[in-house]
Amino acid sequence: MAVIALTSASGAPGVTTTAVGLALAWHRPSLLVEAAMTPGSAVLAGYGRGVVAHDRGLVDVRAAAALGQPLDEAIADHLLVLDGGLRLLAGVANAAQVAALPELWEPLAAALRDMDALGVDVIIDAGRLGAFAAPDPLLRQADLVCLLSGSDLPTINAARGAAGSLAEDLSRYGLGQRVLQSVLVGPGRPYSAREVSGVLGLPMLGSLPWDPRGAAVLSAGAPPSRRRSRPGSSLARSLDALATAAAVELGTAPTTVEAS
């Protein structure tokens, strides 16, 4: 099973929106892990439109594991299923829960690498780098880490500093250079994906357009315009392309067999 982690250096380049969209576009069953340490589930409040109660998630997995339940079973027992079949392991409900999670990251990282029991690939919304109780061990166990950046100078500058330190940290854990790649979110102005990739010193896995209407389907509960639970827009097409690029990078892309 493949593990993909998405993160950013600062600002709001759309990590959660991209994670939700990537999970919905993924070519195999997937599990979205909401590991951003922001109180209140952005996924349940946004894409989930606040309909599903935040009554289970990471904190409950930690509590079950402390009582001796195997982590893979605890994850299966505490995930939620949203519209479009999106499987979600929700994040923290309030600020008091944040401090309880750092001790979970190491065992959770190992468990997520072996999700054969659930038969899913894992997509992690790791939030902002350097945040309190940030899930760094999840990044160190990922098969692919995507550093998201906008195309404006402040965001690029922050991402450039993060790219170097993150690459160094991942290399200490034996992860190769291709594990860390970048994703450009926004209009590509004033700097293009190629220029941003060069500044960051990272391969550019893909780019997503500036599409507020399409993004609102994934982040604010707006109704989809064409496809059920998906934004019918340039954003949807770009998310499909990003999912394909990630699958090719991971060697999990589906193959088409032509009939003889």
C-alpha atoms as a PDB file:
ATOM      1  CA  MET A   1       0.000   0.000   0.000  1.00  0.00           C
ATOM      2  CA  ALA A   2       1.254   3.496  -0.864  1.00  0.00           C
ATOM      3  CA  VAL A   3       1.490   6.409   1.576  1.00  0.00           C
ATOM      4  CA  ILE A   4       1.397  10.006   0.283  1.00  0.00           C
ATOM      5  CA  ALA A   5       1.838  12.991   2.601  1.00  0.00           C
ATOM      6  CA  LEU A   6       0.954  16.599   1.722  1.00  0.00           C
ATOM      7  CA  THR A   7       2.342  19.574   3.627  1.00  0.00           C
ATOM      8  CA  SER A   8       3.237  23.252   3.252  1.00  0.00           C
ATOM      9  CA  ALA A   9       5.642  25.743   4.741  1.00  0.00           C
ATOM     10  CA  SER A  10       3.304  28.596   5.618  1.00  0.00           C
ATOM     11  CA  GLY A  11       0.203  30.419   4.580  1.00  0.00           C
ATOM     12  CA  ALA A  12      -2.765  28.583   3.092  1.00  0.00           C
ATOM     13  CA  PRO A  13      -1.796  27.063  -0.272  1.00  0.00           C
ATOM     14  CA  GLY A  14      -4.606  24.516  -0.083  1.00  0.00           C
ATOM     15  CA  VAL A  15      -3.140  21.408   1.556  1.00  0.00           C
ATOM     16  CA  THR A  16      -6.480  20.148   2.892  1.00  0.00           C
ATOM     17  CA  THR A  17      -8.353  20.914  -0.325  1.00  0.00           C
ATOM     18  CA  THR A  18      -5.688  19.127  -2.357  1.00  0.00           C
ATOM     19  CA  ALA A  19      -5.663  16.144   0.013  1.00  0.00           C
ATOM     20  CA  VAL A  20      -9.441  15.731  -0.242  1.00  0.00           C
ATOM     21  CA  GLY A  21      -9.368  16.094  -4.022  1.00  0.00           C
ATOM     22  CA  LEU A  22      -6.482  13.661  -4.386  1.00  0.00           C
ATOM     23  CA  ALA A  23      -8.248  11.072  -2.227  1.00  0.00           C
ATOM     24  CA  LEU A  24     -11.391  11.353  -4.366  1.00  0.00           C
ATOM     25  CA  ALA A  25      -9.406  11.160  -7.602  1.00  0.00           C
ATOM     26  CA  TRP A  26      -7.207   8.266  -6.496  1.00  0.00           C
ATOM     27  CA  HIS A  27      -7.346   5.176  -8.728  1.00  0.00           C
ATOM     28  CA  ARG A  28      -7.502   2.699  -5.822  1.00  0.00           C
ATOM     29  CA  PRO A  29      -9.403   2.728  -2.511  1.00  0.00           C
ATOM     30  CA  SER A  30      -7.842   5.330  -0.244  1.00  0.00           C
ATOM     31  CA  LEU A  31      -7.882   6.562   3.338  1.00  0.00           C
ATOM     32  CA  LEU A  32      -7.493  10.261   4.087  1.00  0.00           C
ATOM     33  CA  VAL A  33      -5.722  10.913   7.393  1.00  0.00           C
ATOM     34  CA  GLU A  34      -6.352  14.398   8.761  1.00  0.00           C
ATOM     35  CA  ALA A  35      -3.111  14.972  10.671  1.00  0.00           C
ATOM     36  CA  ALA A  36      -3.011  18.774  10.509  1.00  0.00           C
ATOM     37  CA  MET A  37      -2.915  20.000  14.101  1.00  0.00           C
ATOM     38  CA  THR A  38      -5.654  22.576  13.674  1.00  0.00           C
ATOM     39  CA  PRO A  39      -8.516  22.186  16.175  1.00  0.00           C
ATOM     40  CA  GLY A  40     -11.749  21.197  14.501  1.00  0.00           C
ATOM     41  CA  SER A  41     -11.898  18.992  11.421  1.00  0.00           C
ATOM     42  CA  ALA A  42     -11.601  21.137   8.310  1.00  0.00           C
ATOM     43  CA  VAL A  43     -12.681  18.153   6.207  1.00  0.00           C
ATOM     44  CA  LEU A  44     -15.852  17.428   8.178  1.00  0.00           C
ATOM     45  CA  ALA A  45     -16.789  21.111   8.347  1.00  0.00           C
ATOM     46  CA  GLY A  46     -15.907  21.789   4.711  1.00  0.00           C
ATOM     47  CA  TYR A  47     -16.284  18.873   2.323  1.00  0.00           C
ATOM     48  CA  GLY A  48     -18.529  17.062   4.840  1.00  0.00           C
ATOM     49  CA  ARG A  49     -20.725  20.175   5.244  1.00  0.00           C
ATOM     50  CA  GLY A  50     -20.911  19.563   8.997  1.00  0.00           C
ATOM     51  CA  VAL A  51     -23.380  16.708   8.506  1.00  0.00           C
ATOM     52  CA  VAL A  52     -21.227  13.928  10.009  1.00  0.00           C
ATOM     53  CA  ALA A  53     -20.502  14.186  13.721  1.00  0.00           C
ATOM     54  CA  HIS A  54     -16.876  14.488  14.769  1.00  0.00           C
ATOM     55  CA  ASP A  55     -17.259  11.681  17.279  1.00  0.00           C
ATOM     56  CA  ARG A  56     -14.259   9.556  16.324  1.00  0.00           C
ATOM     57  CA  GLY A  57     -10.785  10.105  14.958  1.00  0.00           C
ATOM     58  CA  LEU A  58      -7.097  10.159  15.822  1.00  0.00           C
ATOM     59  CA  VAL A  59      -7.571  10.691  19.557  1.00  0.00           C
ATOM     60  CA  ASP A  60      -9.874   7.679  19.729  1.00  0.00           C
ATOM     61  CA  VAL A  61      -7.316   5.581  17.849  1.00  0.00           C
ATOM     62  CA  ARG A  62      -4.705   6.603  20.409  1.00  0.00           C
ATOM     63  CA  ALA A  63      -7.019   5.679  23.299  1.00  0.00           C
ATOM     64  CA  ALA A  64      -7.858   2.294  21.757  1.00  0.00           C
ATOM     65  CA  ALA A  65      -4.178   1.545  21.184  1.00  0.00           C
ATOM     66  CA  ALA A  66      -3.404   2.445  24.793  1.00  0.00           C
ATOM     67  CA  LEU A  67      -5.918  -0.228  25.834  1.00  0.00           C
ATOM     68  CA  GLY A  68      -4.109  -2.796  23.719  1.00  0.00           C
ATOM     69  CA  GLN A  69      -6.092  -2.817  20.489  1.00  0.00           C
ATOM     70  CA  PRO A  70      -3.912  -3.299  17.371  1.00  0.00           C
ATOM     71  CA  LEU A  71      -3.597  -0.037  15.494  1.00  0.00           C
ATOM     72  CA  ASP A  72      -4.944  -1.367  12.205  1.00  0.00           C
ATOM     73  CA  GLU A  73      -8.099  -2.505  13.983  1.00  0.00           C
ATOM     74  CA  ALA A  74      -8.405   0.808  15.833  1.00  0.00           C
ATOM     75  CA  ILE A  75      -8.096   2.724  12.565  1.00  0.00           C
ATOM     76  CA  ALA A  76     -10.789   0.576  10.942  1.00  0.00           C
ATOM     77  CA  ASP A  77     -13.094   1.083  13.928  1.00  0.00           C
ATOM     78  CA  HIS A  78     -12.717   4.871  14.018  1.00  0.00           C
ATOM     79  CA  LEU A  79     -12.746   5.973  10.396  1.00  0.00           C
ATOM     80  CA  LEU A  80     -15.673   7.856   8.883  1.00  0.00           C
ATOM     81  CA  VAL A  81     -17.124   7.522   5.381  1.00  0.00           C
ATOM     82  CA  LEU A  82     -18.281  10.723   3.677  1.00  0.00           C
ATOM     83  CA  ASP A  83     -19.952  11.504   0.355  1.00  0.00           C
ATOM     84  CA  GLY A  84     -18.237  10.009  -2.648  1.00  0.00           C
ATOM     85  CA  GLY A  85     -16.980   7.125  -0.524  1.00  0.00           C
ATOM     86  CA  LEU A  86     -14.263   9.273   1.050  1.00  0.00           C
ATOM     87  CA  ARG A  87     -12.771   7.347   3.982  1.00  0.00           C
ATOM     88  CA  LEU A  88     -11.556   9.751   6.651  1.00  0.00           C
ATOM     89  CA  LEU A  89      -9.571   9.359   9.830  1.00  0.00           C
ATOM     90  CA  ALA A  90     -10.514  12.704  11.349  1.00  0.00           C
ATOM     91  CA  GLY A  91      -8.119  14.976  13.184  1.00  0.00           C
ATOM     92  CA  VAL A  92      -8.408  16.741  16.518  1.00  0.00           C
ATOM     93  CA  ALA A  93     -11.755  18.147  17.619  1.00  0.00           C
ATOM     94  CA  ASN A  94     -10.342  20.790  19.959  1.00  0.00           C
ATOM     95  CA  ALA A  95      -7.086  22.314  21.182  1.00  0.00           C
ATOM     96  CA  ALA A  96      -6.958  20.076  24.259  1.00  0.00           C
ATOM     97  CA  GLN A  97      -6.532  17.003  22.055  1.00  0.00           C
ATOM     98  CA  VAL A  98      -3.455  18.305  20.226  1.00  0.00           C
ATOM     99  CA  ALA A  99      -1.013  17.580  23.055  1.00  0.00           C
ATOM    100  CA  ALA A 100      -2.182  13.971  23.241  1.00  0.00           C
ATOM    101  CA  LEU A 101      -1.101  13.039  19.736  1.00  0.00           C
ATOM    102  CA  PRO A 102       2.726  13.256  19.433  1.00  0.00           C
ATOM    103  CA  GLU A 103       3.194   9.857  21.057  1.00  0.00           C
ATOM    104  CA  LEU A 104       0.834   8.362  18.460  1.00  0.00           C
ATOM    105  CA  TRP A 105       2.788   9.479  15.384  1.00  0.00           C
ATOM    106  CA  GLU A 106       5.550   6.862  15.421  1.00  0.00           C
ATOM    107  CA  PRO A 107       3.325   3.773  15.797  1.00  0.00           C
ATOM    108  CA  LEU A 108       0.710   5.270  13.481  1.00  0.00           C
ATOM    109  CA  ALA A 109       3.353   5.849  10.799  1.00  0.00           C
ATOM    110  CA  ALA A 110       4.303   2.182  10.939  1.00  0.00           C
ATOM    111  CA  ALA A 111       0.668   1.063  10.869  1.00  0.00           C
ATOM    112  CA  LEU A 112      -0.184   3.234   7.866  1.00  0.00           C
ATOM    113  CA  ARG A 113       2.600   1.622   5.867  1.00  0.00           C
ATOM    114  CA  ASP A 114       0.876  -1.717   6.237  1.00  0.00           C
ATOM    115  CA  MET A 115      -2.798  -1.144   5.549  1.00  0.00           C
ATOM    116  CA  ASP A 116      -3.345  -4.395   3.690  1.00  0.00           C
ATOM    117  CA  ALA A 117      -6.129  -5.309   6.129  1.00  0.00           C
ATOM    118  CA  LEU A 118      -8.145  -2.327   4.885  1.00  0.00           C
ATOM    119  CA  GLY A 119      -6.908  -2.641   1.314  1.00  0.00           C
ATOM    120  CA  VAL A 120      -6.329   1.103   0.934  1.00  0.00           C
ATOM    121  CA  ASP A 121      -3.619   3.544  -0.017  1.00  0.00           C
ATOM    122  CA  VAL A 122      -3.109   6.376   2.469  1.00  0.00           C
ATOM    123  CA  ILE A 123      -3.189  10.126   1.797  1.00  0.00           C
ATOM    124  CA  ILE A 124      -2.083  12.303   4.714  1.00  0.00           C
ATOM    125  CA  ASP A 125      -2.985  15.943   5.251  1.00  0.00           C
ATOM    126  CA  ALA A 126       0.066  16.820   7.362  1.00  0.00           C
ATOM    127  CA  GLY A 127      -0.764  20.520   7.590  1.00  0.00           C
ATOM    128  CA  ARG A 128       1.921  23.127   8.108  1.00  0.00           C
ATOM    129  CA  LEU A 129       5.531  22.232   8.760  1.00  0.00           C
ATOM    130  CA  GLY A 130       6.826  23.310  12.151  1.00  0.00           C
ATOM    131  CA  ALA A 131       3.413  23.480  13.815  1.00  0.00           C
ATOM    132  CA  PHE A 132       3.113  22.370  17.431  1.00  0.00           C
ATOM    133  CA  ALA A 133       2.830  18.556  17.624  1.00  0.00           C
ATOM    134  CA  ALA A 134       3.306  18.331  13.856  1.00  0.00           C
ATOM    135  CA  PRO A 135       3.205  14.763  12.475  1.00  0.00           C
ATOM    136  CA  ASP A 136       6.831  14.647  11.288  1.00  0.00           C
ATOM    137  CA  PRO A 137       7.113  10.839  11.714  1.00  0.00           C
ATOM    138  CA  LEU A 138       4.303  10.408   9.176  1.00  0.00           C
ATOM    139  CA  LEU A 139       6.365  12.290   6.585  1.00  0.00           C
ATOM    140  CA  ARG A 140       9.426  10.166   7.340  1.00  0.00           C
ATOM    141  CA  GLN A 141       7.510   6.967   6.593  1.00  0.00           C
ATOM    142  CA  ALA A 142       5.783   8.187   3.434  1.00  0.00           C
ATOM    143  CA  ASP A 143       6.481   6.876  -0.066  1.00  0.00           C
ATOM    144  CA  LEU A 144       5.883  10.338  -1.516  1.00  0.00           C
ATOM    145  CA  VAL A 145       5.937  13.733   0.232  1.00  0.00           C
ATOM    146  CA  CYS A 146       4.396  16.693  -1.607  1.00  0.00           C
ATOM    147  CA  LEU A 147       5.406  20.208  -0.550  1.00  0.00           C
ATOM    148  CA  LEU A 148       2.706  22.620  -1.716  1.00  0.00           C
ATOM    149  CA  SER A 149       3.546  26.188  -2.682  1.00  0.00           C
ATOM    150  CA  GLY A 150       1.816  29.171  -4.184  1.00  0.00           C
ATOM    151  CA  SER A 151       3.415  31.278  -6.899  1.00  0.00           C
ATOM    152  CA  ASP A 152       3.829  34.539  -4.973  1.00  0.00           C
ATOM    153  CA  LEU A 153       7.189  35.556  -3.558  1.00  0.00           C
ATOM    154  CA  PRO A 154       6.438  35.209   0.195  1.00  0.00           C
ATOM    155  CA  THR A 155       5.040  31.698  -0.238  1.00  0.00           C
ATOM    156  CA  ILE A 156       7.865  30.609  -2.544  1.00  0.00           C
ATOM    157  CA  ASN A 157      10.446  31.991  -0.127  1.00  0.00           C
ATOM    158  CA  ALA A 158       8.939  30.075   2.786  1.00  0.00           C
ATOM    159  CA  ALA A 159       8.711  26.896   0.701  1.00  0.00           C
ATOM    160  CA  ARG A 160      12.344  27.233  -0.407  1.00  0.00           C
ATOM    161  CA  GLY A 161      13.564  27.293   3.182  1.00  0.00           C
ATOM    162  CA  ALA A 162      11.322  24.384   4.099  1.00  0.00           C
ATOM    163  CA  ALA A 163      12.362  22.312   1.085  1.00  0.00           C
ATOM    164  CA  GLY A 164      16.011  22.247   2.116  1.00  0.00           C
ATOM    165  CA  SER A 165      15.405  21.361   5.760  1.00  0.00           C
ATOM    166  CA  LEU A 166      12.718  18.802   4.908  1.00  0.00           C
ATOM    167  CA  ALA A 167      14.918  17.108   2.302  1.00  0.00           C
ATOM    168  CA  GLU A 168      17.731  16.904   4.835  1.00  0.00           C
ATOM    169  CA  ASP A 169      15.435  15.447   7.483  1.00  0.00           C
ATOM    170  CA  LEU A 170      14.011  12.827   5.110  1.00  0.00           C
ATOM    171  CA  SER A 171      17.490  11.823   3.932  1.00  0.00           C
ATOM    172  CA  ARG A 172      18.484  11.075   7.525  1.00  0.00           C
ATOM    173  CA  TYR A 173      15.757   8.445   7.517  1.00  0.00           C
ATOM    174  CA  GLY A 174      17.004   6.844   4.323  1.00  0.00           C
ATOM    175  CA  LEU A 175      14.438   8.328   1.949  1.00  0.00           C
ATOM    176  CA  GLY A 176      15.682   8.967  -1.572  1.00  0.00           C
ATOM    177  CA  GLN A 177      15.683  12.302  -3.349  1.00  0.00           C
ATOM    178  CA  ARG A 178      12.584  11.544  -5.432  1.00  0.00           C
ATOM    179  CA  VAL A 179      10.427  11.049  -2.333  1.00  0.00           C
ATOM    180  CA  LEU A 180      10.104  14.824  -1.876  1.00  0.00           C
ATOM    181  CA  GLN A 181       8.391  16.680  -4.719  1.00  0.00           C
ATOM    182  CA  SER A 182       6.517  19.946  -5.104  1.00  0.00           C
ATOM    183  CA  VAL A 183       3.003  20.890  -6.163  1.00  0.00           C
ATOM    184  CA  LEU A 184       2.148  24.396  -7.340  1.00  0.00           C
ATOM    185  CA  VAL A 185      -1.244  25.746  -6.286  1.00  0.00           C
ATOM    186  CA  GLY A 186      -2.524  28.891  -7.920  1.00  0.00           C
ATOM    187  CA  PRO A 187      -2.425  30.824 -11.152  1.00  0.00           C
ATOM    188  CA  GLY A 188       1.244  30.300 -12.044  1.00  0.00           C
ATOM    189  CA  ARG A 189       1.769  34.051 -11.995  1.00  0.00           C
ATOM    190  CA  PRO A 190       4.093  35.795 -11.670  1.00  0.00           C
ATOM    191  CA  TYR A 191       6.167  32.603 -11.575  1.00  0.00           C
ATOM    192  CA  SER A 192       5.558  29.411 -13.536  1.00  0.00           C
ATOM    193  CA  ALA A 193       5.695  25.849 -12.259  1.00  0.00           C
ATOM    194  CA  ARG A 194       9.101  25.396 -13.877  1.00  0.00           C
ATOM    195  CA  GLU A 195      10.459  28.511 -12.182  1.00  0.00           C
ATOM    196  CA  VAL A 196       9.062  27.527  -8.780  1.00  0.00           C
ATOM    197  CA  SER A 197      10.489  24.023  -9.177  1.00  0.00           C
ATOM    198  CA  GLY A 198      13.904  25.512  -9.907  1.00  0.00           C
ATOM    199  CA  VAL A 199      13.818  27.808  -6.887  1.00  0.00           C
ATOM    200  CA  LEU A 200      12.733  25.004  -4.564  1.00  0.00           C
ATOM    201  CA  GLY A 201      15.220  22.565  -6.034  1.00  0.00           C
ATOM    202  CA  LEU A 202      12.492  19.907  -6.201  1.00  0.00           C
ATOM    203  CA  PRO A 203      10.789  18.028  -9.033  1.00  0.00           C
ATOM    204  CA  MET A 204       7.358  19.454  -9.809  1.00  0.00           C
ATOM    205  CA  LEU A 205       4.811  16.629  -9.516  1.00  0.00           C
ATOM    206  CA  GLY A 206       1.971  18.778 -10.820  1.00  0.00           C
ATOM    207  CA  SER A 207       0.076  22.036 -10.542  1.00  0.00           C
ATOM    208  CA  LEU A 208      -3.461  23.020  -9.656  1.00  0.00           C
ATOM    209  CA  PRO A 209      -5.275  26.054 -11.081  1.00  0.00           C
ATOM    210  CA  TRP A 210      -6.733  28.953  -9.165  1.00  0.00           C
ATOM    211  CA  ASP A 211     -10.357  27.786  -9.172  1.00  0.00           C
ATOM    212  CA  PRO A 212     -12.288  29.150  -6.151  1.00  0.00           C
ATOM    213  CA  ARG A 213     -15.598  27.702  -7.326  1.00  0.00           C
ATOM    214  CA  GLY A 214     -14.206  24.218  -7.796  1.00  0.00           C
ATOM    215  CA  ALA A 215     -12.202  24.408  -4.568  1.00  0.00           C
ATOM    216  CA  ALA A 216     -15.313  25.381  -2.621  1.00  0.00           C
ATOM    217  CA  VAL A 217     -16.820  21.953  -3.372  1.00  0.00           C
ATOM    218  CA  LEU A 218     -13.907  20.338  -1.547  1.00  0.00           C
ATOM    219  CA  SER A 219     -13.305  22.901   1.179  1.00  0.00           C
ATOM    220  CA  ALA A 220     -16.588  24.682   1.909  1.00  0.00           C
ATOM    221  CA  GLY A 221     -19.381  22.240   1.121  1.00  0.00           C
ATOM    222  CA  ALA A 222     -20.491  23.916  -2.094  1.00  0.00           C
ATOM    223  CA  PRO A 223     -22.609  21.673  -4.337  1.00  0.00           C
ATOM    224  CA  PRO A 224     -20.713  20.020  -7.198  1.00  0.00           C
ATOM    225  CA  SER A 225     -21.564  21.355 -10.600  1.00  0.00           C
ATOM    226  CA  ARG A 226     -21.368  18.155 -12.646  1.00  0.00           C
ATOM    227  CA  ARG A 227     -19.979  15.029 -11.045  1.00  0.00           C
ATOM    228  CA  ARG A 228     -21.349  13.874  -7.714  1.00  0.00           C
ATOM    229  CA  SER A 229     -19.048  14.904  -4.849  1.00  0.00           C
ATOM    230  CA  ARG A 230     -16.453  16.219  -7.294  1.00  0.00           C
ATOM    231  CA  PRO A 231     -15.860  19.722  -8.626  1.00  0.00           C
ATOM    232  CA  GLY A 232     -16.835  19.757 -12.296  1.00  0.00           C
ATOM    233  CA  SER A 233     -14.074  22.147 -13.257  1.00  0.00           C
ATOM    234  CA  SER A 234     -10.488  22.646 -14.309  1.00  0.00           C
ATOM    235  CA  LEU A 235      -9.565  21.782 -10.721  1.00  0.00           C
ATOM    236  CA  ALA A 236     -11.089  18.296 -11.086  1.00  0.00           C
ATOM    237  CA  ARG A 237      -9.112  17.663 -14.260  1.00  0.00           C
ATOM    238  CA  SER A 238      -5.920  18.874 -12.632  1.00  0.00           C
ATOM    239  CA  LEU A 239      -6.527  16.678  -9.580  1.00  0.00           C
ATOM    240  CA  ASP A 240      -6.999  13.691 -11.881  1.00  0.00           C
ATOM    241  CA  ALA A 241      -3.701  14.560 -13.565  1.00  0.00           C
ATOM    242  CA  LEU A 242      -1.974  14.965 -10.186  1.00  0.00           C
ATOM    243  CA  ALA A 243      -3.292  11.591  -9.034  1.00  0.00           C
ATOM    244  CA  THR A 244      -2.016   9.984 -12.223  1.00  0.00           C
ATOM    245  CA  ALA A 245       1.414  11.611 -11.846  1.00  0.00           C
ATOM    246  CA  ALA A 246       1.656  10.430  -8.228  1.00  0.00           C
ATOM    247  CA  ALA A 247       0.588   6.906  -9.188  1.00  0.00           C
ATOM    248  CA  VAL A 248       3.211   6.790 -11.947  1.00  0.00           C
ATOM    249  CA  GLU A 249       5.859   8.028  -9.519  1.00  0.00           C
ATOM    250  CA  LEU A 250       4.870   5.328  -7.024  1.00  0.00           C
ATOM    251  CA  GLY A 251       4.594   2.619  -9.654  1.00  0.00           C
ATOM    252  CA  THR A 252       0.934   1.974  -8.869  1.00  0.00           C
ATOM    253  CA  ALA A 253      -0.675   3.422 -11.999  1.00  0.00           C
ATOM    254  CA  PRO A 254      -3.255   1.121 -13.553  1.00  0.00           C
ATOM    255  CA  THR A 255      -2.228  -0.492 -16.826  1.00  0.00           C
ATOM    256  CA  THR A 256      -4.511  -0.750 -19.802  1.00  0.00           C
ATOM    257  CA  VAL A 257      -4.489  -4.075 -21.605  1.00  0.00           C
ATOM    258  CA  GLU A 258      -5.570  -3.822 -25.218  1.00  0.00           C
ATOM    259  CA  ALA A 259      -7.826  -6.536 -26.554  1.00  0.00           C
ATOM    260  CA  SER A 260      -6.247  -8.702 -29.242  1.00  0.00           C
END
